[in-house]
Every structure is written in C-alpha cells, then in structure tokens.
Protein backbone atom coordinates (compact mmCIF):
# COMPACT_ATOMS: atom_id res chain seq x y z
CA MET A 1 -4.67 -5.47 11.64
CA ILE A 2 -6.43 -7.17 9.10
CA LYS A 3 -4.86 -11.12 9.38
CA SER A 4 -3.60 -13.49 6.57
CA GLY A 5 -6.95 -15.61 5.45
CA GLU A 6 -9.01 -12.72 6.07
CA ARG A 7 -10.97 -10.74 3.50
CA ALA A 8 -10.24 -7.21 2.89
CA PRO A 9 -13.07 -4.87 3.13
CA GLU A 10 -14.07 -2.83 -0.01
CA PHE A 11 -13.37 0.58 0.02
CA THR A 12 -13.64 4.04 -2.22
CA LEU A 13 -10.69 7.09 -1.64
CA PRO A 14 -9.33 9.51 -3.95
CA ASP A 15 -6.16 9.15 -5.15
CA ASP A 16 -3.72 11.54 -6.56
CA ALA A 17 -5.03 12.85 -8.98
CA SER A 18 -8.53 13.39 -6.54
CA LYS A 19 -10.24 10.41 -8.83
CA ASP A 20 -12.01 7.47 -6.66
CA ARG A 21 -10.73 4.40 -6.72
CA SER A 22 -12.39 0.77 -4.92
CA LEU A 23 -10.30 -2.02 -3.64
CA THR A 24 -12.81 -4.29 -6.15
CA GLU A 25 -11.15 -1.68 -9.50
CA LEU A 26 -7.50 -1.30 -7.82
CA LEU A 27 -7.95 -5.99 -7.90
CA SER A 28 -9.92 -6.09 -11.46
CA ILE A 29 -6.12 -6.07 -13.52
CA GLY A 30 -4.99 -8.72 -10.63
CA PRO A 31 -3.39 -8.83 -6.89
CA ILE A 32 -2.16 -5.56 -4.77
CA VAL A 33 0.77 -4.76 -2.68
CA LEU A 34 -1.72 -2.49 -0.39
CA TYR A 35 0.47 -0.23 1.96
CA PHE A 36 -0.16 2.34 4.82
CA TYR A 37 2.13 4.76 5.76
CA PRO A 38 2.35 8.09 8.11
CA ALA A 39 2.97 11.13 5.76
CA ASP A 40 4.32 11.97 2.77
CA PHE A 41 8.01 14.07 2.57
CA THR A 42 8.57 12.06 5.89
CA PRO A 43 12.25 10.43 6.12
CA GLY A 44 10.50 6.81 6.83
CA CYS A 45 7.98 7.18 4.89
CA THR A 46 10.18 8.69 1.75
CA ARG A 47 12.64 5.80 1.73
CA GLN A 48 9.78 3.08 1.94
CA ALA A 49 7.92 4.94 -1.24
CA CYS A 50 11.46 4.70 -3.14
CA ALA A 51 12.12 1.43 -2.18
CA LEU A 52 8.67 0.30 -3.74
CA ARG A 53 9.85 2.39 -6.81
CA ASP A 54 12.72 0.66 -7.68
CA LEU A 55 11.25 -2.31 -7.07
CA HIS A 56 8.15 -1.24 -9.83
CA SER A 57 10.03 -2.94 -12.43
CA GLU A 58 10.11 -6.43 -10.68
CA LEU A 59 6.70 -5.91 -9.49
CA GLU A 60 5.09 -5.31 -12.78
CA ALA A 61 6.97 -8.79 -14.06
CA SER A 62 4.86 -10.20 -11.52
CA ARG A 63 1.91 -8.02 -12.42
CA LEU A 64 1.57 -7.15 -8.63
CA ARG A 65 0.96 -3.85 -8.41
CA VAL A 66 1.65 -1.71 -5.41
CA VAL A 67 -1.23 1.10 -3.91
CA GLY A 68 -0.12 3.38 -0.77
CA ILE A 69 -2.29 4.81 1.70
CA SER A 70 -1.82 7.66 4.03
CA PRO A 71 -4.30 10.43 5.54
CA GLN A 72 -2.74 13.31 3.55
CA SER A 73 -4.57 15.16 0.77
CA PRO A 74 -4.66 14.75 -2.98
CA GLU A 75 -2.52 17.02 -3.51
CA SER A 76 0.17 16.37 -0.97
CA HIS A 77 0.04 12.40 -2.80
CA ALA A 78 0.62 14.30 -6.34
CA LYS A 79 3.81 16.56 -5.27
CA PHE A 80 5.16 13.58 -3.33
CA LYS A 81 4.29 11.03 -5.96
CA ALA A 82 6.19 14.09 -8.75
CA LYS A 83 8.92 14.63 -6.56
CA TYR A 84 9.83 10.93 -5.94
CA GLN A 85 8.44 9.92 -9.77
CA LEU A 86 6.45 7.75 -7.98
CA PRO A 87 4.63 4.79 -10.49
CA TYR A 88 1.99 3.76 -8.34
CA VAL A 89 -1.13 5.25 -6.90
CA LEU A 90 -1.39 6.54 -3.76
CA LEU A 91 -4.75 7.02 -1.71
CA SER A 92 -6.12 9.88 0.27
CA ASP A 93 -7.64 8.81 3.87
CA GLU A 94 -8.00 12.20 5.10
CA GLN A 95 -10.63 10.69 7.82
CA LYS A 96 -8.70 7.53 8.70
CA THR A 97 -11.87 5.54 7.75
CA VAL A 98 -10.08 2.58 5.73
CA ILE A 99 -7.37 3.43 7.96
CA LYS A 100 -9.32 2.11 10.89
CA MET A 101 -11.29 -0.46 8.72
CA TYR A 102 -7.66 -1.71 8.56
CA GLY A 103 -6.72 -1.55 11.85
CA VAL A 104 -3.45 0.43 11.32
CA ASN A 105 -4.43 3.47 13.20
CA GLY A 106 -1.47 4.50 15.79
CA PRO A 107 -1.81 4.29 19.12
CA LEU A 108 -4.64 6.74 21.04
CA GLY A 109 -5.98 7.46 17.78
CA MET A 110 -2.54 9.19 16.20
CA GLY A 111 -1.02 8.52 13.22
CA VAL A 112 -0.86 5.56 10.95
CA ARG A 113 0.54 2.19 12.08
CA ARG A 114 3.18 1.24 8.92
CA ALA A 115 1.78 -2.01 7.37
CA THR A 116 1.66 -3.75 4.05
CA TYR A 117 -0.49 -6.24 2.75
CA LEU A 118 -0.63 -8.37 0.08
CA ILE A 119 -3.70 -9.08 -1.42
CA ASP A 120 -5.54 -11.24 -3.97
CA GLU A 121 -8.22 -11.12 -7.07
CA SER A 122 -10.84 -12.47 -4.39
CA ARG A 123 -10.31 -9.65 -1.58
CA ARG A 124 -8.10 -12.32 0.53
CA VAL A 125 -5.07 -11.16 2.24
CA ARG A 126 -2.37 -13.53 2.06
CA ASP A 127 0.13 -12.17 3.71
CA ALA A 128 0.79 -9.17 6.46
CA VAL A 129 3.47 -7.33 8.08
CA LEU A 130 3.55 -4.33 10.54
CA ALA A 131 6.64 -2.74 10.89
CA ASP A 132 6.42 1.20 12.50
CA PHE A 133 9.93 1.69 12.26
CA MET A 134 11.89 -1.14 10.14
CA VAL A 135 11.16 0.16 6.20
CA GLY A 136 13.77 -3.04 5.42
CA ARG A 137 10.47 -5.32 6.69
CA HIS A 138 8.11 -3.94 4.19
CA SER A 139 10.98 -4.34 1.27
CA ASP A 140 12.01 -7.60 2.01
CA PHE A 141 7.83 -8.60 2.18
CA VAL A 142 7.66 -7.43 -1.31
CA ARG A 143 10.90 -8.87 -2.13
CA LYS A 144 8.86 -12.11 -0.76
CA ALA A 145 5.44 -11.28 -2.34
CA ILE A 146 7.66 -11.07 -5.88
CA MET A 147 9.19 -14.49 -5.61
CA LEU A 148 6.23 -15.73 -4.64
CA ARG A 149 4.21 -15.08 -7.66
CA ALA A 150 7.18 -15.58 -9.98
CA THR A 151 7.49 -19.35 -8.48
CA SER A 152 3.25 -20.07 -8.46
CA SER A 153 2.81 -18.51 -12.38
CA GLN A 154 5.65 -20.90 -13.62
C-alpha cells in the first residue's frame, strides 16, 4: 500500500461511461478521495458506496471529490451508480493494473483490498486507510478529511 507522503502513481482507466480518465485530469479540479473496493453490488461495497454518497454534500463543500476503483466493467459500474444514485466517478480496472500499482491486490492475487487515499493536486498521498472488513473506518477517514479541509481553508 502506498504510504502518506508518497507520490500517487499516474494512471488512466475507463470510467462508468467508458471514457478514459487519468489521475492528473481527476486532480486538475482539486484533491480527491480515491477508494479501492472489491466489487459492485456486494453488501460491504454497497454500504461503503452509499456512505460516500451520503457524505457527498459535505465533500463538495470542502472541495473534495470521490473516485472509486474496482475490477468490474464500466457497464457494471454504470448499473451500480444508477441503482444507488452514486454522484461520483467509478473507474474500471479489469486487469487490476492500478490495483497492483497501489498495492491493494488481495492475498494470493485474489480480490481487492478495501483502501482509501486522500490525494492532493500535486499527487501526494496525504493520508490513507486500509481496512478490509471495517467499512466504517473508511467513512470515518472521509469525515476526518472533510474536517481537515474545512479547517485548513479558513
């Protein structure tokens, strides 16, 4: 897993509309919360995605955006977004190239570890959390990022 202070590796992946999106492009508007999750429509991943959806207005107010990455297809992501009204970008890493670059490939190459990064405009990882089964830790991480952004912009 990439550590705080390290530079986030550049990547380009298709989004839920099959449009290629690069990390540089995603960061051009401001910092992002980049989260990796195992699969669309699974109970834990759905809970995590919906928790981030529910924090969306607070994220926007603090000028943070969310980007999710998992190995499902753009079509699966589009259905997942539509069903749960997710207001953020989901990227498809079917070959798990970026998942491996960020060190969140599952044990023995199976699955994807649940990880969340706060990445600033210069591609620096400001903070990160890895918690495979504790979805709440990711929501807490995002709330902390919102709070830190709010206090740093005053």
